[in-house]
Amino acid sequence: MDFAADDDHEAIREGVRRACSDFDDDYWRGCDDRHEFPWDFYRAMAEGGWIGIAIPEAYGGGGRGIAEASIVVEEVAASGAAMNGASAIHLSIFGMGPVIHHGSEELRAEVLPAVATGELHVCFGVTEPDAGTDTSRITTRATLAADGSHYLVRGRKVWTTKAPHCQKVLLLTRTTPRDEAARPTDGMTLLLADLRDAVGEVRPEVAITPIPKAGRNAVVSCEVAYDDLPVPVGHRVGDEGHGFRYLLDGLNPERILIAAEALGTGRAALRRAVAYANERIVFDRPIGQNQGIAFPLARAHMQLHAAELAIREAAWRYDHGLPCGEHANTAKYLAAEAGYAAADQAVQTLGGMGYAGEYHVERYWREARLMRLAPVSQELVQSFVATNVLGLPKSY
């Protein structure tokens, strides 16, 4: 790895910062308070070409790697958008990975150009209420029709982000029951299904229910029920029964981008806290002069910097085709911890005003907390490293 400044990466940072400069903290607080998707921001990012940065040039994208994509979402989060802004675009940035790598040429040509321009919104349907993080236990079933032309999908998913705004969903389904498969992760199939009909209405076979939650309320998370939703066989991603393996190809990029978003959120919080510590006068001196305030902020800065190095290494390895499971999970773990610690210290630095909406750090705190849970919990990351890196016995 080369730690010299990369002019191209710096240009990306500056470009994203310019795009985000029109959307201040008050914009994001308003979107969050109203539970309103940030459409103006989304369109600005689409017009700048940032949403398609990691989609191949052959399909209208930027053809860049996860390193560049991670810089985009980091800068979005650091602008004050935090997870609301990053979540508005990150599924479009990395979510089409399985289609890019395993979809048919016809499917890629049909959907990728529209995703790259921001015209087509696609969400992920993986998690289920009775399976949780044990993906092998999903029960949403895709049954092949008698004429072999389409599947019928029946089941229920939870935590489907942006579902009310999406035209399509990348669904992980079972085409072979778990007890009939050779291995628990066999017999799962990825389908790119239509949530909406030709005129933009939610299909009658689909029921979308928003989930009330503590934060990141500008980007809704939903429970989605499927009642014999038809999906053409041509919209299957790869071969039947191999969907779990295809899904795994997208997990390392997802962890890297989530880590970058946590890093950006932590930096936004730290920036607010440092400014307040310099400006707030108590006992005739700025509170930042007190070591009880200064030292925790310095520690937060160092923790964020360490997490950034882990992110850069993980992204570099992924883009160079090297094994990066350990590195992507490590980056996600360290950045989630550092981002949350910085946001929590920002609240503490501001004292009572840290709990007030007008200074925004309570919003950063709520959104940074999510990263210790999603897309995989800190406990499962530790379990992965213990088993797959240290060689300890599997705990589940």
Protein backbone atom coordinates (compact mmCIF):
# COMPACT_ATOMS: atom_id res chain seq x y z
CA MET A 1 0.00 0.00 0.00
CA ASP A 2 1.11 3.54 -0.76
CA PHE A 3 0.27 6.15 1.87
CA ALA A 4 1.14 9.09 -0.36
CA ALA A 5 -1.73 11.41 -1.18
CA ASP A 6 -3.70 10.15 -4.17
CA ASP A 7 -4.73 13.06 -6.39
CA ASP A 8 -7.63 11.08 -7.83
CA HIS A 9 -8.99 10.21 -4.40
CA GLU A 10 -8.61 13.79 -3.25
CA ALA A 11 -10.55 14.94 -6.30
CA ILE A 12 -13.34 12.51 -5.38
CA ARG A 13 -13.41 13.87 -1.84
CA GLU A 14 -13.61 17.45 -3.07
CA GLY A 15 -16.33 16.61 -5.57
CA VAL A 16 -18.49 14.87 -2.99
CA ARG A 17 -17.95 17.69 -0.50
CA ARG A 18 -19.16 20.19 -3.09
CA ALA A 19 -22.23 18.09 -3.80
CA CYS A 20 -22.99 17.80 -0.08
CA SER A 21 -22.40 21.48 0.68
CA ASP A 22 -25.96 22.35 -0.34
CA PHE A 23 -27.37 20.02 2.32
CA ASP A 24 -26.58 21.19 5.82
CA ASP A 25 -27.36 19.73 9.23
CA ASP A 26 -30.75 21.43 9.33
CA TYR A 27 -31.70 19.74 6.05
CA TRP A 28 -30.86 16.34 7.52
CA ARG A 29 -32.56 17.02 10.83
CA GLY A 30 -35.69 18.03 8.90
CA CYS A 31 -35.65 14.86 6.80
CA ASP A 32 -35.16 12.77 9.92
CA ASP A 33 -37.88 14.53 11.91
CA ARG A 34 -40.38 14.24 9.04
CA HIS A 35 -39.36 10.67 8.13
CA GLU A 36 -38.86 12.03 4.61
CA PHE A 37 -36.52 10.48 2.05
CA PRO A 38 -33.82 13.02 1.00
CA TRP A 39 -34.81 13.22 -2.63
CA ASP A 40 -33.01 16.49 -3.41
CA PHE A 41 -29.77 15.09 -2.04
CA TYR A 42 -30.26 11.81 -3.87
CA ARG A 43 -30.82 13.59 -7.19
CA ALA A 44 -27.73 15.75 -6.67
CA MET A 45 -25.59 12.67 -6.05
CA ALA A 46 -27.08 10.95 -9.10
CA GLU A 47 -26.42 13.97 -11.31
CA GLY A 48 -22.83 14.04 -10.12
CA GLY A 49 -22.37 10.40 -11.15
CA TRP A 50 -21.54 9.31 -7.60
CA ILE A 51 -24.24 6.65 -7.30
CA GLY A 52 -22.86 4.66 -10.22
CA ILE A 53 -19.21 4.99 -9.21
CA ALA A 54 -18.67 1.22 -8.74
CA ILE A 55 -20.80 0.03 -11.68
CA PRO A 56 -18.75 -0.99 -14.75
CA GLU A 57 -18.29 1.65 -17.43
CA ALA A 58 -19.86 -0.70 -19.99
CA TYR A 59 -23.17 -0.16 -18.20
CA GLY A 60 -22.88 3.57 -17.70
CA GLY A 61 -21.10 3.57 -14.35
CA GLY A 62 -17.81 5.01 -13.18
CA GLY A 63 -15.99 1.68 -13.22
CA ARG A 64 -14.19 2.45 -9.97
CA GLY A 65 -13.42 0.21 -7.03
CA ILE A 66 -14.58 -0.15 -3.47
CA ALA A 67 -11.76 2.16 -2.34
CA GLU A 68 -13.32 5.02 -4.30
CA ALA A 69 -16.87 4.05 -3.29
CA SER A 70 -15.84 4.03 0.37
CA ILE A 71 -14.50 7.57 0.01
CA VAL A 72 -17.84 8.71 -1.41
CA VAL A 73 -19.94 7.38 1.48
CA GLU A 74 -17.39 8.49 4.07
CA GLU A 75 -17.53 12.07 2.81
CA VAL A 76 -21.34 11.98 2.63
CA ALA A 77 -21.57 10.87 6.26
CA ALA A 78 -18.88 13.33 7.38
CA SER A 79 -20.77 16.23 5.79
CA GLY A 80 -23.39 15.91 8.53
CA ALA A 81 -25.65 13.61 6.52
CA ALA A 82 -24.43 10.72 8.71
CA MET A 83 -26.25 7.44 8.10
CA ASN A 84 -29.37 9.05 6.62
CA GLY A 85 -27.35 10.36 3.69
CA ALA A 86 -25.09 7.35 3.28
CA SER A 87 -27.97 4.87 3.48
CA ALA A 88 -29.87 6.78 0.81
CA ILE A 89 -27.25 5.80 -1.76
CA HIS A 90 -25.12 2.91 -0.52
CA LEU A 91 -27.36 0.06 -1.69
CA SER A 92 -27.24 1.46 -5.21
CA ILE A 93 -23.46 1.73 -4.97
CA PHE A 94 -22.67 -1.81 -3.83
CA GLY A 95 -25.94 -3.73 -3.90
CA MET A 96 -25.74 -4.71 -7.54
CA GLY A 97 -22.51 -6.64 -6.98
CA PRO A 98 -24.19 -10.06 -7.32
CA VAL A 99 -25.85 -8.95 -10.57
CA ILE A 100 -22.56 -7.56 -11.92
CA HIS A 101 -20.63 -10.74 -11.13
CA HIS A 102 -23.24 -13.47 -11.59
CA GLY A 103 -26.22 -12.07 -13.50
CA SER A 104 -26.84 -12.81 -17.16
CA GLU A 105 -25.73 -10.30 -19.77
CA GLU A 106 -29.38 -9.58 -20.51
CA LEU A 107 -30.12 -8.83 -16.85
CA ARG A 108 -27.05 -6.63 -16.46
CA ALA A 109 -27.93 -4.65 -19.57
CA GLU A 110 -31.51 -4.25 -18.40
CA VAL A 111 -30.92 -2.91 -14.90
CA LEU A 112 -27.37 -1.63 -14.37
CA PRO A 113 -27.53 1.52 -16.55
CA ALA A 114 -30.67 2.71 -14.75
CA VAL A 115 -29.13 1.99 -11.33
CA ALA A 116 -25.99 3.93 -12.34
CA THR A 117 -28.02 7.04 -13.20
CA GLY A 118 -30.12 6.78 -10.04
CA GLU A 119 -33.30 6.21 -12.02
CA LEU A 120 -33.80 2.65 -10.74
CA HIS A 121 -33.94 1.98 -7.00
CA VAL A 122 -33.21 -1.55 -5.79
CA CYS A 123 -33.43 -2.81 -2.21
CA PHE A 124 -32.20 -6.00 -0.50
CA GLY A 125 -34.55 -8.66 0.87
CA VAL A 126 -32.48 -11.09 2.94
CA THR A 127 -33.24 -10.94 6.68
CA GLU A 128 -36.33 -12.71 8.03
CA PRO A 129 -38.02 -12.40 11.43
CA ASP A 130 -37.53 -16.06 12.39
CA ALA A 131 -34.03 -16.44 10.92
CA GLY A 132 -32.19 -13.27 11.95
CA THR A 133 -28.47 -13.60 11.33
CA ASP A 134 -28.77 -17.36 10.68
CA THR A 135 -29.47 -16.86 6.99
CA SER A 136 -29.55 -20.60 6.36
CA ARG A 137 -32.92 -20.70 8.14
CA ILE A 138 -34.81 -18.38 5.80
CA THR A 139 -38.14 -19.80 4.70
CA THR A 140 -39.24 -17.40 1.93
CA ARG A 141 -39.92 -19.88 -0.85
CA ALA A 142 -39.59 -19.49 -4.61
CA THR A 143 -41.50 -22.19 -6.47
CA LEU A 144 -40.93 -22.73 -10.17
CA ALA A 145 -44.16 -22.59 -12.18
CA ALA A 146 -45.24 -25.68 -14.12
CA ASP A 147 -44.28 -24.13 -17.45
CA GLY A 148 -40.84 -23.16 -16.16
CA SER A 149 -41.24 -19.49 -17.12
CA HIS A 150 -41.33 -17.90 -13.69
CA TYR A 151 -41.08 -18.39 -9.94
CA LEU A 152 -43.77 -17.62 -7.38
CA VAL A 153 -42.34 -16.09 -4.20
CA ARG A 154 -44.09 -16.44 -0.87
CA GLY A 155 -42.69 -15.32 2.48
CA ARG A 156 -41.73 -12.39 4.67
CA LYS A 157 -38.63 -10.23 5.01
CA VAL A 158 -37.68 -7.59 7.60
CA TRP A 159 -35.28 -4.63 7.63
CA THR A 160 -35.69 -4.06 3.91
CA THR A 161 -34.26 -0.55 3.51
CA LYS A 162 -35.96 1.92 1.12
CA ALA A 163 -38.66 -0.57 0.10
CA PRO A 164 -41.40 2.10 -0.41
CA HIS A 165 -39.15 3.96 -2.87
CA CYS A 166 -37.79 1.00 -4.84
CA GLN A 167 -38.94 -0.54 -8.08
CA LYS A 168 -37.07 -3.81 -7.56
CA VAL A 169 -35.77 -5.99 -4.74
CA LEU A 170 -32.90 -8.46 -4.75
CA LEU A 171 -34.49 -11.38 -2.92
CA LEU A 172 -32.80 -14.33 -1.29
CA THR A 173 -35.22 -17.25 -1.45
CA ARG A 174 -35.30 -20.96 -0.86
CA THR A 175 -35.83 -23.15 -3.90
CA THR A 176 -34.93 -26.29 -1.95
CA PRO A 177 -36.09 -26.72 1.66
CA ARG A 178 -33.28 -26.63 4.21
CA ASP A 179 -33.85 -30.22 5.37
CA GLU A 180 -33.55 -31.46 1.77
CA ALA A 181 -30.36 -29.58 0.92
CA ALA A 182 -26.92 -31.18 1.14
CA ARG A 183 -25.75 -28.28 3.31
CA PRO A 184 -27.80 -25.65 5.19
CA THR A 185 -26.59 -22.89 2.84
CA ASP A 186 -27.41 -24.85 -0.30
CA GLY A 187 -30.73 -24.55 -2.09
CA MET A 188 -31.02 -20.75 -1.89
CA THR A 189 -31.61 -18.65 -5.01
CA LEU A 190 -31.23 -14.94 -5.71
CA LEU A 191 -34.04 -13.29 -7.68
CA LEU A 192 -34.36 -9.70 -8.87
CA ALA A 193 -38.07 -9.15 -8.37
CA ASP A 194 -40.42 -6.28 -9.23
CA LEU A 195 -41.97 -4.49 -6.25
CA ARG A 196 -43.98 -2.20 -8.52
CA ASP A 197 -46.01 -2.61 -11.68
CA ALA A 198 -45.59 -0.80 -15.00
CA VAL A 199 -47.39 2.34 -13.76
CA GLY A 200 -45.37 2.53 -10.53
CA GLU A 201 -47.91 1.11 -8.09
CA VAL A 202 -46.88 -1.45 -5.48
CA ARG A 203 -47.79 -4.85 -6.83
CA PRO A 204 -50.86 -6.50 -5.26
CA GLU A 205 -48.74 -9.50 -4.22
CA VAL A 206 -46.53 -7.23 -2.07
CA ALA A 207 -47.32 -5.63 1.31
CA ILE A 208 -44.84 -3.06 2.70
CA THR A 209 -44.97 -2.03 6.38
CA PRO A 210 -42.49 0.54 7.79
CA ILE A 211 -40.76 -0.39 11.05
CA PRO A 212 -40.66 2.39 13.70
CA LYS A 213 -37.08 2.84 14.90
CA ALA A 214 -34.84 5.07 17.01
CA GLY A 215 -32.86 6.75 14.26
CA ARG A 216 -31.98 7.02 10.58
CA ASN A 217 -35.61 7.89 10.00
CA ALA A 218 -35.13 9.66 6.67
CA VAL A 219 -34.43 6.23 5.19
CA VAL A 220 -37.21 3.85 6.08
CA SER A 221 -36.75 0.19 7.01
CA CYS A 222 -39.63 -2.16 6.35
CA GLU A 223 -41.21 -5.53 6.74
CA VAL A 224 -42.22 -6.82 3.31
CA ALA A 225 -44.60 -9.72 2.75
CA TYR A 226 -44.75 -11.61 -0.55
CA ASP A 227 -47.85 -13.53 -1.55
CA ASP A 228 -47.07 -15.53 -4.71
CA LEU A 229 -45.14 -12.69 -6.36
CA PRO A 230 -44.22 -13.79 -9.91
CA VAL A 231 -40.57 -13.39 -10.95
CA PRO A 232 -39.44 -14.29 -14.48
CA VAL A 233 -36.75 -16.97 -14.67
CA GLY A 234 -34.68 -14.46 -16.64
CA HIS A 235 -34.49 -12.35 -13.48
CA ARG A 236 -32.74 -15.09 -11.55
CA VAL A 237 -29.18 -14.12 -10.61
CA GLY A 238 -26.88 -16.95 -11.59
CA ASP A 239 -27.80 -20.59 -11.15
CA GLU A 240 -30.61 -21.92 -9.01
CA GLY A 241 -29.52 -23.06 -5.57
CA HIS A 242 -26.30 -21.02 -5.40
CA GLY A 243 -27.76 -17.74 -4.16
CA PHE A 244 -26.07 -17.80 -0.77
CA ARG A 245 -22.62 -18.06 -2.38
CA TYR A 246 -23.47 -15.17 -4.71
CA LEU A 247 -24.66 -13.12 -1.75
CA LEU A 248 -21.36 -13.68 0.05
CA ASP A 249 -19.55 -11.95 -2.81
CA GLY A 250 -21.27 -8.74 -1.76
CA LEU A 251 -20.72 -8.99 1.98
CA ASN A 252 -17.10 -7.79 2.12
CA PRO A 253 -17.81 -4.63 0.08
CA GLU A 254 -20.85 -3.98 2.25
CA ARG A 255 -18.80 -4.21 5.43
CA ILE A 256 -16.16 -1.87 4.00
CA LEU A 257 -18.71 0.74 2.97
CA ILE A 258 -20.57 0.53 6.28
CA ALA A 259 -17.23 1.02 8.04
CA ALA A 260 -16.57 4.12 5.95
CA GLU A 261 -20.01 5.48 6.84
CA ALA A 262 -19.36 4.92 10.55
CA LEU A 263 -16.02 6.68 10.15
CA GLY A 264 -17.65 9.67 8.47
CA THR A 265 -20.38 9.86 11.10
CA GLY A 266 -17.78 9.81 13.88
CA ARG A 267 -15.85 12.60 12.19
CA ALA A 268 -18.96 14.74 11.87
CA ALA A 269 -19.64 14.29 15.58
CA LEU A 270 -16.03 14.98 16.54
CA ARG A 271 -15.99 18.16 14.45
CA ARG A 272 -19.05 19.45 16.29
CA ALA A 273 -17.62 18.52 19.68
CA VAL A 274 -14.26 20.19 19.07
CA ALA A 275 -15.93 23.38 17.85
CA TYR A 276 -18.15 23.47 20.96
CA ALA A 277 -15.20 22.74 23.28
CA ASN A 278 -13.32 25.69 21.81
CA GLU A 279 -16.28 28.08 21.99
CA ARG A 280 -18.00 27.16 25.26
CA ILE A 281 -16.69 29.25 28.17
CA VAL A 282 -17.18 27.97 31.72
CA PHE A 283 -15.25 29.32 34.72
CA ASP A 284 -13.68 31.92 32.41
CA ARG A 285 -11.99 29.39 30.13
CA PRO A 286 -12.97 27.25 27.13
CA ILE A 287 -14.00 23.82 28.30
CA GLY A 288 -11.59 22.29 25.76
CA GLN A 289 -8.76 23.51 27.95
CA ASN A 290 -9.79 20.94 30.53
CA GLN A 291 -8.12 17.56 30.14
CA GLY A 292 -11.37 15.84 31.09
CA ILE A 293 -12.80 17.22 27.84
CA ALA A 294 -9.65 17.31 25.67
CA PHE A 295 -8.29 13.83 26.29
CA PRO A 296 -11.44 11.87 25.35
CA LEU A 297 -11.73 13.92 22.14
CA ALA A 298 -8.09 13.21 21.33
CA ARG A 299 -8.70 9.53 21.97
CA ALA A 300 -11.75 9.59 19.69
CA HIS A 301 -9.65 11.14 16.93
CA MET A 302 -6.98 8.46 17.24
CA GLN A 303 -9.55 5.66 17.24
CA LEU A 304 -11.14 7.03 14.08
CA HIS A 305 -7.73 7.27 12.42
CA ALA A 306 -6.91 3.66 13.29
CA ALA A 307 -10.26 2.55 11.87
CA GLU A 308 -9.57 4.51 8.69
CA LEU A 309 -6.33 2.59 8.13
CA ALA A 310 -8.21 -0.70 8.50
CA ILE A 311 -10.80 0.49 5.96
CA ARG A 312 -8.14 1.54 3.46
CA GLU A 313 -6.36 -1.82 3.73
CA ALA A 314 -9.59 -3.81 3.35
CA ALA A 315 -10.68 -1.80 0.31
CA TRP A 316 -7.22 -2.06 -1.27
CA ARG A 317 -7.16 -5.82 -0.84
CA TYR A 318 -10.66 -6.22 -2.26
CA ASP A 319 -9.89 -4.09 -5.30
CA HIS A 320 -6.69 -6.08 -5.92
CA GLY A 321 -8.48 -9.42 -5.77
CA LEU A 322 -6.84 -10.50 -2.50
CA PRO A 323 -8.59 -12.32 0.37
CA CYS A 324 -10.13 -9.66 2.60
CA GLY A 325 -12.73 -11.33 4.82
CA GLU A 326 -10.69 -10.76 7.97
CA HIS A 327 -9.85 -7.21 6.93
CA ALA A 328 -13.38 -6.19 5.93
CA ASN A 329 -14.83 -7.53 9.17
CA THR A 330 -12.06 -5.91 11.20
CA ALA A 331 -12.67 -2.57 9.51
CA LYS A 332 -16.39 -2.79 10.17
CA TYR A 333 -15.83 -3.66 13.84
CA LEU A 334 -13.23 -0.97 14.53
CA ALA A 335 -15.09 1.77 12.64
CA ALA A 336 -18.41 0.98 14.29
CA GLU A 337 -16.79 1.17 17.73
CA ALA A 338 -14.82 4.32 16.90
CA GLY A 339 -17.75 6.09 15.25
CA TYR A 340 -20.06 5.39 18.15
CA ALA A 341 -17.43 6.36 20.73
CA ALA A 342 -16.85 9.68 18.95
CA ALA A 343 -20.57 10.40 18.78
CA ASP A 344 -21.08 9.45 22.42
CA GLN A 345 -18.19 11.66 23.48
CA ALA A 346 -19.65 14.50 21.43
CA VAL A 347 -22.89 14.23 23.40
CA GLN A 348 -20.91 14.17 26.64
CA THR A 349 -18.84 17.19 25.60
CA LEU A 350 -21.93 19.28 24.90
CA GLY A 351 -23.52 18.16 28.14
CA GLY A 352 -27.25 18.83 28.25
CA MET A 353 -27.13 20.52 24.87
CA GLY A 354 -25.73 17.32 23.44
CA TYR A 355 -29.13 15.79 24.12
CA ALA A 356 -30.88 18.65 22.33
CA GLY A 357 -31.73 18.41 18.66
CA GLU A 358 -30.40 21.84 17.69
CA TYR A 359 -26.73 20.79 17.96
CA HIS A 360 -27.26 17.62 15.90
CA VAL A 361 -24.89 15.37 17.84
CA GLU A 362 -27.78 13.40 19.34
CA ARG A 363 -28.75 12.49 15.77
CA TYR A 364 -25.21 11.38 15.01
CA TRP A 365 -25.28 9.34 18.23
CA ARG A 366 -28.53 7.58 17.29
CA GLU A 367 -27.26 6.79 13.81
CA ALA A 368 -23.78 5.70 14.89
CA ARG A 369 -25.35 3.25 17.34
CA LEU A 370 -26.93 1.39 14.44
CA MET A 371 -23.55 0.49 13.00
CA ARG A 372 -22.78 -1.74 15.97
CA LEU A 373 -25.79 -3.83 14.93
CA ALA A 374 -25.96 -3.65 11.15
CA PRO A 375 -25.34 -5.21 8.74
CA VAL A 376 -23.79 -7.71 11.12
CA SER A 377 -23.44 -7.40 14.89
CA GLN A 378 -20.12 -6.82 16.59
CA GLU A 379 -20.51 -10.18 18.31
CA LEU A 380 -20.76 -12.04 15.01
CA VAL A 381 -17.71 -10.22 13.68
CA GLN A 382 -15.76 -11.40 16.72
CA SER A 383 -17.10 -14.91 16.18
CA PHE A 384 -15.94 -14.83 12.55
CA VAL A 385 -12.44 -13.73 13.51
CA ALA A 386 -12.21 -16.22 16.40
CA THR A 387 -13.18 -19.15 14.17
CA ASN A 388 -11.80 -18.26 10.76
CA VAL A 389 -8.65 -16.33 11.72
CA LEU A 390 -7.62 -17.71 15.11
CA GLY A 391 -8.82 -21.26 14.46
CA LEU A 392 -10.92 -21.52 17.60
CA PRO A 393 -13.92 -23.90 17.73
CA LYS A 394 -17.08 -22.55 16.15
CA SER A 395 -19.43 -21.20 18.80
CA TYR A 396 -22.71 -21.81 16.96
